[in-house]
Protein backbone atom coordinates (compact mmCIF):
# COMPACT_ATOMS: atom_id res chain seq x y z
CA MET A 1 -13.78 -14.39 -11.86
CA TYR A 2 -11.54 -15.90 -9.21
CA ILE A 3 -7.78 -15.61 -9.18
CA ASP A 4 -5.53 -18.01 -7.33
CA TYR A 5 -2.05 -17.12 -6.11
CA LYS A 6 -1.85 -20.19 -3.86
CA TYR A 7 0.61 -22.99 -4.44
CA ASP A 8 1.84 -26.10 -2.67
CA LYS A 9 4.80 -24.98 -0.58
CA ARG A 10 7.41 -27.71 -0.26
CA ASP A 11 11.13 -28.34 -0.48
CA ILE A 12 12.08 -27.56 -4.05
CA ASP A 13 13.99 -30.11 -6.06
CA TYR A 14 16.25 -28.03 -8.28
CA ILE A 15 19.34 -28.29 -10.43
CA SER A 16 22.17 -25.78 -10.18
CA GLY A 17 25.51 -25.37 -11.89
CA HIS A 18 28.18 -22.69 -12.18
CA ILE A 19 28.18 -21.18 -15.65
CA PHE A 20 30.85 -18.50 -15.26
CA LYS A 21 32.73 -16.63 -12.57
CA GLY A 22 34.64 -13.45 -11.89
CA LYS A 23 37.28 -12.43 -9.40
CA ASN A 24 34.78 -11.90 -6.58
CA TYR A 25 31.71 -13.91 -7.56
CA ARG A 26 30.33 -17.04 -9.16
CA CYS A 27 27.22 -17.22 -11.29
CA SER A 28 25.00 -20.28 -11.12
CA TYR A 29 22.10 -21.21 -13.34
CA ILE A 30 19.24 -22.61 -11.25
CA ARG A 31 16.26 -24.43 -12.71
CA TYR A 32 13.29 -26.22 -11.16
CA PRO A 33 9.74 -27.17 -12.17
CA THR A 34 7.33 -24.36 -11.41
CA LEU A 35 5.00 -24.80 -8.46
CA TYR A 36 2.25 -23.03 -10.40
CA ASN A 37 -0.45 -25.55 -11.30
CA ASN A 38 -1.38 -24.24 -14.76
CA PRO A 39 1.76 -23.22 -16.69
CA ALA A 40 1.54 -22.50 -20.40
CA PRO A 41 3.59 -24.90 -22.56
CA GLY A 42 7.15 -23.60 -22.67
CA THR A 43 7.01 -21.93 -19.23
CA GLU A 44 7.09 -25.02 -17.02
CA ASN A 45 10.60 -24.51 -15.63
CA VAL A 46 11.62 -21.62 -13.38
CA GLU A 47 15.00 -20.12 -14.27
CA VAL A 48 17.18 -18.06 -11.93
CA TYR A 49 20.63 -16.58 -12.52
CA SER A 50 22.25 -16.50 -9.09
CA TYR A 51 25.37 -14.42 -8.49
CA GLN A 52 27.08 -15.53 -5.28
CA PRO A 53 29.84 -13.59 -3.51
CA LYS A 54 33.07 -15.47 -2.93
CA SER A 55 33.50 -13.57 0.31
CA GLU A 56 31.08 -12.94 3.19
CA ILE A 57 27.41 -12.57 2.20
CA ARG A 58 26.13 -9.29 3.60
CA ALA A 59 22.64 -9.30 2.10
CA SER A 60 20.38 -10.82 -0.55
CA ALA A 61 18.67 -9.34 -3.60
CA LEU A 62 16.00 -10.60 -5.97
CA ILE A 63 15.60 -8.76 -9.28
CA LEU A 64 12.43 -8.89 -11.38
CA HIS A 65 12.91 -7.65 -14.94
CA GLY A 66 10.56 -5.77 -17.23
CA LEU A 67 8.32 -6.88 -20.06
CA GLY A 68 10.15 -8.49 -22.96
CA SER A 69 13.81 -9.47 -23.22
CA ARG A 70 15.98 -6.50 -24.13
CA ASN A 71 16.07 -5.01 -20.63
CA ILE A 72 17.36 -8.23 -19.08
CA LYS A 73 20.91 -7.93 -20.42
CA PHE A 74 21.24 -4.58 -18.62
CA LEU A 75 19.86 -5.93 -15.35
CA LEU A 76 22.32 -8.82 -15.58
CA TRP A 77 25.02 -6.17 -15.04
CA LEU A 78 23.79 -5.80 -11.48
CA GLY A 79 24.49 -9.44 -10.68
CA PRO A 80 28.30 -9.56 -10.70
CA HIS A 81 28.71 -6.07 -9.29
CA LEU A 82 26.33 -6.49 -6.36
CA ALA A 83 27.77 -9.96 -5.69
CA SER A 84 31.26 -8.46 -5.66
CA ALA A 85 29.97 -6.08 -2.98
CA GLY A 86 28.77 -9.00 -0.84
CA ILE A 87 25.12 -9.25 -1.96
CA ASN A 88 23.81 -12.62 -3.09
CA THR A 89 21.96 -11.43 -6.19
CA ASN A 90 19.35 -13.45 -8.03
CA ILE A 91 17.67 -12.56 -11.32
CA LEU A 92 14.43 -14.44 -11.87
CA ILE A 93 13.30 -14.95 -15.45
CA LEU A 94 9.56 -14.40 -15.34
CA PRO A 95 7.28 -16.81 -17.23
CA GLY A 96 6.46 -15.66 -20.75
CA ASN A 97 9.73 -13.72 -21.17
CA TYR A 98 13.27 -14.23 -22.50
CA THR A 99 14.08 -17.97 -22.36
CA ARG A 100 10.64 -18.81 -20.92
CA VAL A 101 8.40 -17.63 -23.75
CA GLU A 102 5.36 -19.85 -24.20
CA ASN A 103 4.97 -21.81 -27.43
CA ASN A 104 4.01 -19.77 -30.52
CA SER A 105 4.23 -16.40 -28.77
CA VAL A 106 6.65 -13.51 -28.23
CA SER A 107 8.34 -12.28 -25.08
CA GLY A 108 6.00 -10.54 -22.63
CA LYS A 109 2.90 -10.50 -24.82
CA SER A 110 0.57 -12.66 -22.74
CA TYR A 111 0.56 -10.42 -19.65
CA LEU A 112 -1.41 -7.85 -21.63
CA TYR A 113 -3.13 -9.97 -24.25
CA PRO A 114 -6.78 -8.85 -24.04
CA ASN A 115 -8.24 -12.07 -22.76
CA MET A 116 -8.88 -12.45 -19.04
CA ASN A 117 -8.04 -16.15 -18.88
CA SER A 118 -4.68 -15.55 -20.58
CA MET A 119 -3.83 -12.57 -18.39
CA TYR A 120 -4.84 -14.36 -15.19
CA GLN A 121 -2.69 -17.34 -16.12
CA PHE A 122 0.48 -15.28 -16.55
CA TRP A 123 0.01 -12.88 -13.64
CA GLU A 124 -0.75 -15.80 -11.33
CA HIS A 125 2.27 -17.65 -12.66
CA GLY A 126 4.59 -14.64 -12.25
CA VAL A 127 3.53 -14.14 -8.64
CA VAL A 128 3.83 -17.84 -7.74
CA ASP A 129 7.30 -18.12 -9.32
CA THR A 130 8.49 -15.05 -7.41
CA LEU A 131 7.23 -16.41 -4.10
CA SER A 132 8.71 -19.85 -4.77
CA ALA A 133 12.05 -18.29 -5.74
CA ILE A 134 12.19 -16.71 -2.28
CA ASP A 135 11.29 -20.11 -0.83
CA LEU A 136 14.20 -21.70 -2.69
CA LEU A 137 16.68 -19.04 -1.62
CA GLU A 138 15.56 -19.46 1.97
CA GLN A 139 15.76 -23.25 1.63
CA SER A 140 19.39 -22.97 0.45
CA ASP A 141 20.30 -20.44 3.19
CA SER A 142 20.76 -17.73 0.56
CA TRP A 143 17.95 -15.40 1.65
CA MET A 144 19.31 -13.11 4.34
CA PRO A 145 17.16 -11.07 6.76
CA ASN A 146 18.83 -8.04 5.17
CA ASN A 147 17.33 -8.22 1.68
CA ILE A 148 15.77 -6.26 -1.15
CA ILE A 149 13.56 -6.99 -4.14
CA LEU A 150 13.99 -4.75 -7.19
CA GLY A 151 11.11 -4.66 -9.64
CA TYR A 152 11.39 -2.86 -12.98
CA CYS A 153 8.30 -2.23 -15.14
CA LEU A 154 6.43 -5.57 -15.21
CA GLY A 155 8.67 -6.76 -12.39
CA GLY A 156 7.58 -3.80 -10.29
CA MET A 157 3.93 -4.61 -10.90
CA ILE A 158 4.45 -8.18 -9.76
CA ALA A 159 6.57 -6.99 -6.81
CA THR A 160 3.60 -4.87 -5.66
CA MET A 161 1.45 -7.98 -5.40
CA VAL A 162 4.21 -10.06 -3.85
CA GLY A 163 4.93 -7.32 -1.32
CA ALA A 164 1.29 -7.40 -0.21
CA MET A 165 1.49 -11.17 0.35
CA GLU A 166 5.04 -11.73 1.60
CA SER A 167 6.51 -10.81 4.99
CA ARG A 168 10.08 -11.88 4.20
CA LEU A 169 10.90 -8.71 2.26
CA ASN A 170 13.06 -6.14 4.01
CA HIS A 171 13.11 -3.52 1.21
CA ILE A 172 11.16 -3.12 -2.02
CA LEU A 173 12.55 -0.91 -4.79
CA PHE A 174 10.26 -0.01 -7.70
CA MET A 175 11.80 1.31 -10.91
CA ALA A 176 9.81 2.89 -13.77
CA THR A 177 6.60 1.02 -13.11
CA GLY A 178 2.90 1.77 -13.02
CA GLY A 179 -0.58 0.35 -12.83
CA HIS A 180 -4.15 0.96 -14.00
CA ILE A 181 -4.25 -1.74 -16.66
CA PRO A 182 -7.02 -0.05 -18.70
CA GLN A 183 -4.68 2.92 -19.25
CA ILE A 184 -1.87 0.55 -20.25
CA LEU A 185 -4.11 -1.42 -22.60
CA HIS A 186 -5.42 1.65 -24.39
CA ARG A 187 -2.51 4.09 -24.30
CA SER A 188 0.85 2.33 -23.98
CA PRO A 189 3.02 1.78 -27.09
CA ALA A 190 3.69 -1.70 -25.71
CA THR A 191 0.04 -2.66 -26.19
CA ALA A 192 -0.42 -1.42 -29.76
CA PHE A 193 -0.92 -5.06 -30.74
CA ALA A 194 -4.00 -5.25 -28.49
CA ARG A 195 -5.53 -2.13 -30.02
CA ARG A 196 -4.97 -3.57 -33.49
CA LEU A 197 -6.91 -6.63 -32.39
CA PHE A 198 -9.75 -4.38 -31.24
CA ASP A 199 -9.71 -2.53 -34.57
CA ARG A 200 -9.94 -5.84 -36.41
CA GLY A 201 -13.09 -6.75 -34.54
CA LEU A 202 -11.90 -8.69 -31.51
CA LYS A 203 -14.67 -8.53 -28.91
CA PRO A 204 -13.09 -9.56 -25.62
CA ASP A 205 -15.03 -10.04 -22.40
CA PHE A 206 -15.47 -7.54 -19.58
CA TYR A 207 -15.41 -4.44 -21.85
CA LEU A 208 -11.66 -4.67 -22.41
CA ASP A 209 -12.10 -3.09 -25.85
CA ASP A 210 -14.43 -0.32 -24.63
CA ARG A 211 -12.04 2.31 -23.35
CA GLN A 212 -14.52 4.74 -21.81
CA ARG A 213 -16.67 2.03 -20.23
CA LEU A 214 -13.59 0.45 -18.71
CA TYR A 215 -12.36 3.80 -17.35
CA ASP A 216 -15.79 4.51 -15.87
CA ILE A 217 -15.91 1.15 -14.11
CA TYR A 218 -12.45 1.76 -12.66
CA ASP A 219 -13.42 5.25 -11.48
CA GLU A 220 -16.52 3.84 -9.81
CA GLN A 221 -14.96 0.81 -8.14
CA PHE A 222 -11.41 1.87 -7.28
CA PRO A 223 -12.38 3.77 -4.07
CA GLN A 224 -13.86 0.50 -2.81
CA VAL A 225 -10.92 -1.64 -3.96
CA ARG A 226 -8.29 0.53 -2.29
CA GLU A 227 -9.94 -0.19 1.07
CA MET A 228 -10.11 -3.98 0.61
CA THR A 229 -8.09 -6.64 2.35
CA LEU A 230 -5.91 -8.99 0.33
CA GLU A 231 -8.44 -11.77 0.71
CA ALA A 232 -11.28 -9.54 -0.48
CA ILE A 233 -9.41 -8.39 -3.59
CA ILE A 234 -8.70 -11.99 -4.56
CA SER A 235 -12.16 -13.38 -3.86
CA ASP A 236 -14.63 -10.54 -4.53
CA THR A 237 -16.64 -11.28 -7.67
CA ASP A 238 -18.33 -7.87 -7.88
CA ILE A 239 -15.25 -5.84 -8.80
CA HIS A 240 -13.91 -5.77 -12.35
CA PRO A 241 -11.60 -8.79 -12.83
CA LEU A 242 -8.73 -6.55 -13.98
CA PHE A 243 -8.42 -5.24 -10.42
CA LYS A 244 -7.22 -8.67 -9.30
CA ILE A 245 -4.08 -8.39 -11.45
CA ASP A 246 -3.61 -4.63 -11.19
CA PRO A 247 -0.85 -3.36 -8.84
CA ILE A 248 -2.94 -0.33 -7.86
CA SER A 249 -5.28 -2.74 -6.04
CA TYR A 250 -2.49 -4.04 -3.80
CA ALA A 251 -0.36 -0.95 -3.17
CA HIS A 252 -2.25 0.18 -0.06
CA LEU A 253 -1.39 -3.16 1.59
CA LEU A 254 2.38 -2.52 1.47
CA ASP A 255 4.47 -1.48 4.44
CA MET A 256 5.52 1.90 3.08
CA GLU A 257 8.52 2.07 5.40
CA LYS A 258 10.05 -0.67 3.23
CA VAL A 259 9.25 0.94 -0.11
CA THR A 260 11.22 3.17 -2.48
CA PHE A 261 9.34 4.20 -5.63
CA ILE A 262 11.37 5.76 -8.45
CA ASP A 263 9.29 7.22 -11.25
CA ALA A 264 10.79 8.06 -14.64
CA TYR A 265 9.69 11.60 -15.55
CA PHE A 266 10.22 11.09 -19.30
CA ASP A 267 8.64 7.63 -19.42
CA SER A 268 6.77 7.27 -22.72
CA THR A 269 6.13 3.54 -22.37
CA LEU A 270 3.75 3.78 -19.43
CA PRO A 271 1.06 6.52 -19.69
CA ILE A 272 1.30 9.34 -17.14
CA PRO A 273 -2.03 8.42 -15.45
CA SER A 274 -0.81 4.83 -15.13
CA ARG A 275 2.33 5.92 -13.29
CA LYS A 276 0.65 8.66 -11.29
CA VAL A 277 -2.05 6.49 -9.78
CA LEU A 278 0.50 3.97 -8.48
CA TYR A 279 2.77 6.80 -7.31
CA ASP A 280 -0.16 8.29 -5.38
CA GLU A 281 -0.98 4.93 -3.83
CA MET A 282 2.59 4.76 -2.53
CA ALA A 283 2.09 7.83 -0.33
CA GLY A 284 4.20 7.44 2.80
CA ALA A 285 6.96 5.61 0.93
CA ASN A 286 10.27 7.10 -0.17
CA ARG A 287 9.14 8.45 -3.56
CA LYS A 288 11.45 10.00 -6.13
CA VAL A 289 10.84 11.38 -9.63
CA LEU A 290 14.03 11.35 -11.71
CA PRO A 291 14.70 12.97 -15.12
CA ILE A 292 15.03 9.61 -16.87
CA SER A 293 12.99 7.70 -19.42
CA HIS A 294 11.61 4.19 -19.16
CA ILE A 295 14.86 2.70 -20.47
CA SER A 296 17.54 5.42 -20.38
CA TRP A 297 18.61 4.51 -16.85
CA LEU A 298 19.39 0.89 -17.74
CA PRO A 299 22.95 1.51 -19.04
CA PHE A 300 23.63 3.43 -15.80
CA SER A 301 22.72 0.64 -13.40
CA TYR A 302 25.76 1.61 -11.31
CA PHE A 303 23.70 4.33 -9.63
CA ILE A 304 20.91 1.90 -8.78
CA ALA A 305 23.50 -0.55 -7.44
CA LYS A 306 24.94 2.19 -5.25
CA TYR A 307 21.46 3.03 -3.97
CA ILE A 308 20.83 -0.65 -3.19
CA LEU A 309 24.00 -0.67 -1.05
CA HIS A 310 22.64 2.36 0.78
CA LYS A 311 19.24 0.73 1.42
CA LEU A 312 20.94 -2.42 2.68
CA ASN A 313 23.19 -0.35 4.94
CA ILE A 314 26.36 -1.64 3.32
CA ASN A 315 28.81 1.22 3.72
CA ALA A 316 32.15 -0.56 3.63
CA LYS A 317 34.60 1.13 1.25
CA GLU A 318 35.57 -2.14 -0.40
CA ALA A 319 31.90 -2.84 -1.17
CA LYS A 320 31.47 0.51 -2.90
CA LYS A 321 34.70 0.02 -4.83
CA ALA A 322 33.42 -3.35 -6.02
CA LEU A 323 30.76 -1.54 -8.05
CA LEU A 324 33.52 0.07 -10.10
CA ILE A 325 35.32 -3.16 -10.93
CA ARG A 326 35.27 -3.83 -14.67
CA GLU A 327 33.40 -7.09 -14.43
CA SER A 328 32.34 -8.42 -17.81
CA MET A 329 28.58 -8.16 -18.38
CA GLU A 330 28.16 -11.81 -19.26
CA ASN A 331 25.01 -12.81 -21.09
CA PRO A 332 24.24 -16.44 -20.10
CA LEU A 333 22.80 -17.13 -23.55
CA GLU A 334 26.14 -16.31 -25.15
CA LYS A 335 28.11 -18.84 -23.13
């Protein structure tokens, strides 16, 4: 199978409007038609919540959320606080999640639905929307050379692929993410729905339902994949098609000097082997294992915000104080 992350780069025709503001920032809702050529019905429009500093812009940030919807309200906390510290902060809603769920589905499901055509469609779409969001920010002079992309869970998986393709990223911060999709399909609580489908007799292609066969194929082919170029990963038809959407295939292509990988020691959502293999592939990066779970850190986003200031070399006292301002954590859907 062939996967296609290409899209027609062009000036993006978008709409934007302020939806709320704080003392030190404004939040705009940005929407534009996706540049991906095969969007599922209901996912055709890209949505970005953009938090713009009222004062000098010191840096830019793009945040990619995790699977589903519940984590997004916590990540929205980062927007006003980082913007108050001088960072133009943009939260991209990935296709198939939150307000972009495809028709007759639920948030996040299609990225791991055990059908290769469905998975390819959503992983391709997520990557293209992320790349085009950077294009738009650059087009509007909002993407500074001093920048960071934060990817949590699913967002971290997509950020791995984007980081292998995109040279405009200054820092990449991975939070509680992993890879090895066979492990996720067969062991994660988030994919219990897929295993129920297998139990009911679903016979997907490419041995997706055959746990041991899938593991064996991965063990056999991964040493070859981790030596491939980007072009080879995308175009090679001899490797298992899951490798083309698996972050472990792309990790070796990252510039590790730009990467911080934070693993959650008590993560029960992503299996240990899933996290470990991506952690190992990030050798040479700034790797940390923290005593947190997959979601327990979300209410304490202040510490991640402070670390982002550090990575962006923003040390001004007023910037650090801005993280402590009691900005309201506005949910755009409640306005």
